[in-house]
Structure formats: structure tokens, C-alpha cells
N, C-alpha and C. Protein backbone atom coordinates (compact mmCIF):
# COMPACT_ATOMS: atom_id res chain seq x y z
N MET A 1 -6.90 15.46 17.80
CA MET A 1 -5.61 15.61 17.15
C MET A 1 -4.51 15.31 18.15
N SER A 2 -3.39 14.82 17.62
CA SER A 2 -2.32 14.41 18.51
C SER A 2 -0.97 14.53 17.83
N MET A 3 0.10 14.35 18.61
CA MET A 3 1.46 14.37 18.10
C MET A 3 1.72 13.08 17.32
N THR A 4 2.24 13.24 16.11
CA THR A 4 2.60 12.10 15.27
C THR A 4 4.10 12.18 15.01
N VAL A 5 4.78 11.04 15.11
CA VAL A 5 6.21 10.96 14.82
C VAL A 5 6.40 9.91 13.73
N LEU A 6 7.22 10.25 12.73
CA LEU A 6 7.49 9.34 11.62
C LEU A 6 9.01 9.29 11.43
N VAL A 7 9.57 8.08 11.41
CA VAL A 7 11.00 7.89 11.23
C VAL A 7 11.21 7.11 9.94
N THR A 8 12.10 7.61 9.08
CA THR A 8 12.38 6.94 7.82
C THR A 8 13.84 6.51 7.77
N ARG A 9 14.10 5.55 6.88
CA ARG A 9 15.46 5.07 6.64
C ARG A 9 15.63 4.79 5.16
N ASN A 10 16.63 5.39 4.55
CA ASN A 10 16.99 5.14 3.14
C ASN A 10 15.87 5.44 2.15
N VAL A 11 15.02 6.42 2.42
CA VAL A 11 13.94 6.73 1.49
C VAL A 11 14.43 7.66 0.39
N GLU A 12 13.69 7.69 -0.72
CA GLU A 12 14.03 8.55 -1.85
C GLU A 12 13.89 10.02 -1.45
N LEU A 13 14.57 10.89 -2.20
CA LEU A 13 14.51 12.32 -1.90
C LEU A 13 13.10 12.88 -2.03
N ARG A 14 12.30 12.37 -2.96
CA ARG A 14 10.94 12.89 -3.09
C ARG A 14 10.11 12.58 -1.84
N VAL A 15 10.36 11.44 -1.22
CA VAL A 15 9.66 11.09 0.02
C VAL A 15 10.07 12.06 1.12
N ARG A 16 11.36 12.32 1.24
CA ARG A 16 11.84 13.28 2.24
C ARG A 16 11.26 14.66 2.00
N GLY A 17 11.20 15.07 0.74
CA GLY A 17 10.62 16.37 0.41
C GLY A 17 9.15 16.46 0.76
N PHE A 18 8.42 15.40 0.43
CA PHE A 18 6.99 15.35 0.75
C PHE A 18 6.77 15.43 2.25
N LEU A 19 7.51 14.63 3.01
CA LEU A 19 7.35 14.63 4.45
C LEU A 19 7.73 15.98 5.06
N ALA A 20 8.80 16.59 4.55
CA ALA A 20 9.22 17.90 5.05
C ALA A 20 8.19 18.98 4.75
N SER A 21 7.35 18.76 3.73
CA SER A 21 6.31 19.74 3.40
C SER A 21 5.08 19.58 4.28
N THR A 22 4.97 18.44 4.96
CA THR A 22 3.79 18.20 5.81
C THR A 22 4.12 18.11 7.29
N MET A 23 5.41 17.88 7.61
CA MET A 23 5.83 17.69 9.00
C MET A 23 7.14 18.43 9.23
N LEU A 24 7.51 18.61 10.48
CA LEU A 24 8.78 19.23 10.83
C LEU A 24 9.85 18.14 10.90
N GLU A 25 10.96 18.34 10.18
CA GLU A 25 12.06 17.37 10.22
C GLU A 25 13.01 17.76 11.36
N LEU A 26 12.95 17.01 12.47
CA LEU A 26 13.75 17.32 13.65
C LEU A 26 15.21 16.92 13.49
N ALA A 27 15.44 15.81 12.83
CA ALA A 27 16.77 15.30 12.54
C ALA A 27 16.63 14.54 11.22
N SER A 28 17.74 14.14 10.66
CA SER A 28 17.68 13.45 9.38
C SER A 28 16.77 12.22 9.45
N GLY A 29 15.67 12.25 8.70
CA GLY A 29 14.75 11.13 8.65
C GLY A 29 13.76 11.04 9.80
N VAL A 30 13.74 12.02 10.70
CA VAL A 30 12.82 12.01 11.85
C VAL A 30 11.88 13.21 11.72
N TYR A 31 10.59 12.91 11.56
CA TYR A 31 9.58 13.94 11.32
C TYR A 31 8.54 13.91 12.43
N THR A 32 8.02 15.09 12.76
CA THR A 32 6.99 15.17 13.77
C THR A 32 5.97 16.22 13.38
N SER A 33 4.75 16.04 13.86
CA SER A 33 3.70 17.01 13.59
C SER A 33 2.73 17.05 14.75
N TYR A 34 2.42 18.26 15.19
CA TYR A 34 1.37 18.48 16.17
C TYR A 34 0.69 19.77 15.79
N PRO A 35 -0.58 19.80 15.64
CA PRO A 35 -1.49 18.66 15.68
C PRO A 35 -1.57 18.00 14.30
N MET A 36 -1.84 16.72 14.28
CA MET A 36 -2.08 16.00 13.02
C MET A 36 -3.32 15.14 13.22
N SER A 37 -4.33 15.40 12.43
CA SER A 37 -5.57 14.64 12.55
C SER A 37 -5.39 13.24 11.98
N ALA A 38 -6.28 12.36 12.34
CA ALA A 38 -6.23 10.98 11.83
C ALA A 38 -6.37 10.96 10.31
N ALA A 39 -7.19 11.85 9.77
CA ALA A 39 -7.39 11.89 8.31
C ALA A 39 -6.10 12.28 7.59
N VAL A 40 -5.40 13.28 8.10
CA VAL A 40 -4.13 13.70 7.48
C VAL A 40 -3.09 12.61 7.64
N ARG A 41 -3.02 12.01 8.81
CA ARG A 41 -2.08 10.90 9.06
C ARG A 41 -2.33 9.76 8.08
N ASP A 42 -3.59 9.42 7.85
CA ASP A 42 -3.92 8.35 6.91
C ASP A 42 -3.53 8.71 5.48
N ARG A 43 -3.71 9.99 5.10
CA ARG A 43 -3.33 10.41 3.74
C ARG A 43 -1.82 10.37 3.55
N VAL A 44 -1.06 10.82 4.54
CA VAL A 44 0.40 10.77 4.46
C VAL A 44 0.84 9.32 4.31
N TRP A 45 0.28 8.43 5.12
CA TRP A 45 0.63 7.00 5.06
C TRP A 45 0.27 6.40 3.70
N ALA A 46 -0.88 6.79 3.15
CA ALA A 46 -1.30 6.28 1.84
C ALA A 46 -0.31 6.70 0.75
N VAL A 47 0.22 7.91 0.82
CA VAL A 47 1.22 8.36 -0.16
C VAL A 47 2.48 7.51 -0.04
N LEU A 48 2.93 7.25 1.18
CA LEU A 48 4.11 6.41 1.37
C LEU A 48 3.90 5.02 0.78
N GLN A 49 2.73 4.45 1.02
CA GLN A 49 2.42 3.13 0.46
C GLN A 49 2.38 3.18 -1.07
N LYS A 50 1.73 4.20 -1.62
CA LYS A 50 1.60 4.33 -3.08
C LYS A 50 2.97 4.46 -3.74
N TRP A 51 3.89 5.17 -3.08
CA TRP A 51 5.23 5.37 -3.63
C TRP A 51 6.14 4.18 -3.37
N GLY A 52 5.65 3.14 -2.73
CA GLY A 52 6.41 1.91 -2.55
C GLY A 52 7.43 1.93 -1.44
N VAL A 53 7.26 2.82 -0.47
CA VAL A 53 8.19 2.83 0.67
C VAL A 53 8.09 1.47 1.36
N GLY A 54 9.24 0.90 1.67
CA GLY A 54 9.28 -0.40 2.32
C GLY A 54 9.51 -1.55 1.36
N THR A 55 9.66 -1.26 0.07
CA THR A 55 9.83 -2.34 -0.91
C THR A 55 11.21 -2.33 -1.55
N ARG A 56 12.05 -1.34 -1.23
CA ARG A 56 13.36 -1.22 -1.88
C ARG A 56 14.50 -1.07 -0.86
N GLY A 57 14.37 -1.70 0.27
CA GLY A 57 15.41 -1.58 1.29
C GLY A 57 15.26 -0.32 2.14
N ASP A 58 14.17 0.40 1.93
CA ASP A 58 13.90 1.57 2.76
C ASP A 58 12.81 1.22 3.76
N SER A 59 12.53 2.14 4.68
CA SER A 59 11.49 1.85 5.66
C SER A 59 10.92 3.13 6.25
N ALA A 60 9.76 2.98 6.86
CA ALA A 60 9.11 4.08 7.58
C ALA A 60 8.36 3.49 8.77
N VAL A 61 8.44 4.18 9.89
CA VAL A 61 7.71 3.80 11.10
C VAL A 61 6.99 5.05 11.59
N MET A 62 5.70 4.92 11.82
CA MET A 62 4.89 6.04 12.31
C MET A 62 4.25 5.65 13.63
N THR A 63 4.23 6.58 14.58
CA THR A 63 3.58 6.33 15.86
C THR A 63 2.84 7.58 16.32
N TRP A 64 1.76 7.36 17.08
CA TRP A 64 0.95 8.44 17.63
C TRP A 64 0.19 7.91 18.83
N PRO A 65 -0.24 8.81 19.73
CA PRO A 65 -0.98 8.37 20.91
C PRO A 65 -2.32 7.73 20.55
N ASP A 66 -2.65 6.65 21.24
CA ASP A 66 -3.93 5.97 21.06
C ASP A 66 -4.25 5.25 22.37
N ALA A 67 -5.14 5.84 23.14
CA ALA A 67 -5.46 5.31 24.47
C ALA A 67 -5.99 3.88 24.44
N SER A 68 -6.57 3.45 23.32
CA SER A 68 -7.14 2.11 23.25
C SER A 68 -6.12 1.04 22.89
N SER A 69 -4.87 1.42 22.61
CA SER A 69 -3.83 0.47 22.22
C SER A 69 -2.90 0.19 23.40
N PRO A 70 -2.23 -0.97 23.38
CA PRO A 70 -1.25 -1.27 24.44
C PRO A 70 -0.18 -0.18 24.50
N GLY A 71 0.16 0.24 25.69
CA GLY A 71 1.17 1.27 25.85
C GLY A 71 0.68 2.67 25.53
N GLY A 72 -0.57 2.78 25.11
CA GLY A 72 -1.14 4.08 24.80
C GLY A 72 -0.69 4.68 23.49
N GLN A 73 -0.12 3.86 22.59
CA GLN A 73 0.26 4.37 21.29
C GLN A 73 0.06 3.33 20.20
N GLN A 74 -0.11 3.84 19.00
CA GLN A 74 -0.31 3.01 17.82
C GLN A 74 0.95 3.08 16.97
N ILE A 75 1.27 2.01 16.26
CA ILE A 75 2.47 1.95 15.43
C ILE A 75 2.10 1.40 14.06
N ARG A 76 2.65 2.02 13.00
CA ARG A 76 2.55 1.49 11.63
C ARG A 76 3.97 1.36 11.09
N CYS A 77 4.24 0.29 10.34
CA CYS A 77 5.57 0.05 9.79
C CYS A 77 5.48 -0.30 8.31
N LEU A 78 6.42 0.20 7.54
CA LEU A 78 6.60 -0.21 6.15
C LEU A 78 8.06 -0.59 5.99
N GLY A 79 8.31 -1.79 5.51
CA GLY A 79 9.67 -2.19 5.15
C GLY A 79 10.42 -3.00 6.18
N GLU A 80 10.35 -2.66 7.43
CA GLU A 80 11.05 -3.43 8.44
C GLU A 80 10.08 -4.42 9.05
N ALA A 81 10.62 -5.32 9.84
CA ALA A 81 9.75 -6.25 10.54
C ALA A 81 8.74 -5.46 11.36
N THR A 82 7.49 -5.83 11.24
CA THR A 82 6.44 -5.11 11.95
C THR A 82 6.60 -5.25 13.45
N THR A 83 6.47 -4.14 14.13
CA THR A 83 6.54 -4.12 15.59
C THR A 83 5.13 -4.00 16.13
N THR A 84 4.82 -4.82 17.09
CA THR A 84 3.52 -4.72 17.77
C THR A 84 3.77 -4.53 19.26
N LEU A 85 2.87 -3.83 19.90
CA LEU A 85 2.96 -3.63 21.34
C LEU A 85 2.08 -4.66 22.03
N VAL A 86 2.63 -5.30 23.05
CA VAL A 86 1.91 -6.32 23.80
C VAL A 86 1.85 -5.87 25.25
N GLU A 87 0.64 -5.76 25.77
CA GLU A 87 0.46 -5.31 27.14
C GLU A 87 0.38 -6.52 28.07
N THR A 88 1.25 -6.55 29.06
CA THR A 88 1.23 -7.59 30.09
C THR A 88 0.77 -6.93 31.39
N PRO A 89 0.52 -7.70 32.43
CA PRO A 89 0.06 -7.08 33.67
C PRO A 89 1.01 -6.03 34.25
N SER A 90 2.32 -6.16 33.99
CA SER A 90 3.25 -5.24 34.63
C SER A 90 4.06 -4.36 33.68
N ILE A 91 4.06 -4.67 32.36
CA ILE A 91 4.91 -3.93 31.42
C ILE A 91 4.34 -4.04 30.01
N VAL A 92 4.66 -3.06 29.18
CA VAL A 92 4.31 -3.12 27.76
C VAL A 92 5.57 -3.51 27.00
N LEU A 93 5.47 -4.54 26.16
CA LEU A 93 6.61 -5.06 25.40
C LEU A 93 6.46 -4.73 23.93
N ALA A 94 7.57 -4.46 23.26
CA ALA A 94 7.59 -4.29 21.81
C ALA A 94 8.03 -5.63 21.23
N ARG A 95 7.22 -6.19 20.34
CA ARG A 95 7.51 -7.50 19.76
C ARG A 95 7.61 -7.38 18.25
N ARG A 96 8.59 -8.07 17.68
CA ARG A 96 8.68 -8.13 16.22
C ARG A 96 9.04 -9.54 15.81
N GLN A 97 8.57 -9.93 14.66
CA GLN A 97 8.84 -11.25 14.11
C GLN A 97 10.26 -11.26 13.54
N ILE A 98 11.04 -12.25 13.88
CA ILE A 98 12.40 -12.38 13.35
C ILE A 98 12.34 -13.29 12.12
N PRO A 99 12.83 -12.79 10.96
CA PRO A 99 12.84 -13.64 9.76
C PRO A 99 13.66 -14.90 10.00
N GLU A 100 13.29 -15.97 9.33
CA GLU A 100 13.92 -17.29 9.52
C GLU A 100 15.44 -17.25 9.32
N ASP A 101 15.91 -16.56 8.28
CA ASP A 101 17.36 -16.50 8.04
C ASP A 101 18.09 -15.74 9.14
N GLU A 102 17.47 -14.71 9.67
CA GLU A 102 18.08 -13.98 10.79
C GLU A 102 18.09 -14.83 12.05
N LEU A 103 17.01 -15.57 12.26
CA LEU A 103 16.93 -16.45 13.42
C LEU A 103 18.02 -17.51 13.37
N ARG A 104 18.24 -18.08 12.18
CA ARG A 104 19.30 -19.09 12.03
C ARG A 104 20.68 -18.50 12.33
N SER A 105 20.89 -17.24 11.92
CA SER A 105 22.19 -16.62 12.16
C SER A 105 22.42 -16.35 13.64
N LEU A 106 21.35 -16.27 14.43
CA LEU A 106 21.47 -16.04 15.86
C LEU A 106 21.62 -17.32 16.66
N THR A 107 21.33 -18.46 16.00
CA THR A 107 21.38 -19.74 16.68
C THR A 107 22.80 -20.29 16.67
N ILE A 108 23.26 -20.71 17.82
CA ILE A 108 24.60 -21.28 17.94
C ILE A 108 24.45 -22.77 18.21
N ARG A 109 25.15 -23.55 17.42
CA ARG A 109 25.11 -24.99 17.62
C ARG A 109 26.15 -25.36 18.66
N VAL A 110 25.71 -26.06 19.67
CA VAL A 110 26.60 -26.50 20.74
C VAL A 110 26.61 -28.02 20.75
N ASP A 111 27.79 -28.59 20.54
CA ASP A 111 27.92 -30.04 20.60
C ASP A 111 28.00 -30.47 22.07
N PRO A 112 27.37 -31.59 22.39
CA PRO A 112 27.42 -32.06 23.79
C PRO A 112 28.85 -32.36 24.19
N VAL A 113 29.16 -32.07 25.42
CA VAL A 113 30.50 -32.34 25.97
C VAL A 113 30.49 -33.74 26.54
N PRO A 114 31.42 -34.61 26.09
CA PRO A 114 31.47 -35.98 26.64
C PRO A 114 31.93 -35.96 28.09
N PHE A 115 31.36 -36.81 28.88
CA PHE A 115 31.72 -36.91 30.30
C PHE A 115 32.83 -37.89 30.50
């Protein structure tokens, strides 16, 4: 068993109520539980998926210790761009895919300067 942290954004009140009944709400939308077994963690996540979290502009991110994963923790995401941990020889990086429209908005077109 290990510490589990779950962060939500813009979820329905029933989701907040459900999470508050299974975890401690430390701040608005931030839930934690110790100890939480893998089976309970999977059931909580299944309820969030069944209720469609991540499909209506809301999101949930869950993390817990996992020695076999990069950085020593596992991450699950619903709704936002999925974050993955990548272990390099000197540092652990958090990587997420940038949607094409967001990538275009970050790109600046620079016209060549005539000499």
C-alpha cells in the first residue's frame, strides 16, 4: 500500500463527493489517501472513467509510488494531455504530447531579413 494523490479540475459535484468519501480533500480538487491499495486505486479510477471524467472539459490526474517506473512514480490522466515520465541518465523528465493546434499557436513565423 502507498500514498495516492489525485488532482481534479472542473469535475461534477458527484465526482467531488465520491472522491471526498474515499480520500482526504487537502485543497479544492486535491485528494490524497494513505494507505490505498492497488485494488482500491483501480476501482476509484474505474468509477471516474465510467462517469466520463475527461470528456467534458474536466480532468483528473492520479499518481502513486512505483519503484519500477521512471522517477519512482506512476501517473494516470483523464482529459488532459497524457503525461509520461522519461528517465534519462541524469534526470527524470515529464513529457506530454502537444496538440497540433496548440503547437501552431506556439510557432512564430519569422521572415528572413534581407542583407
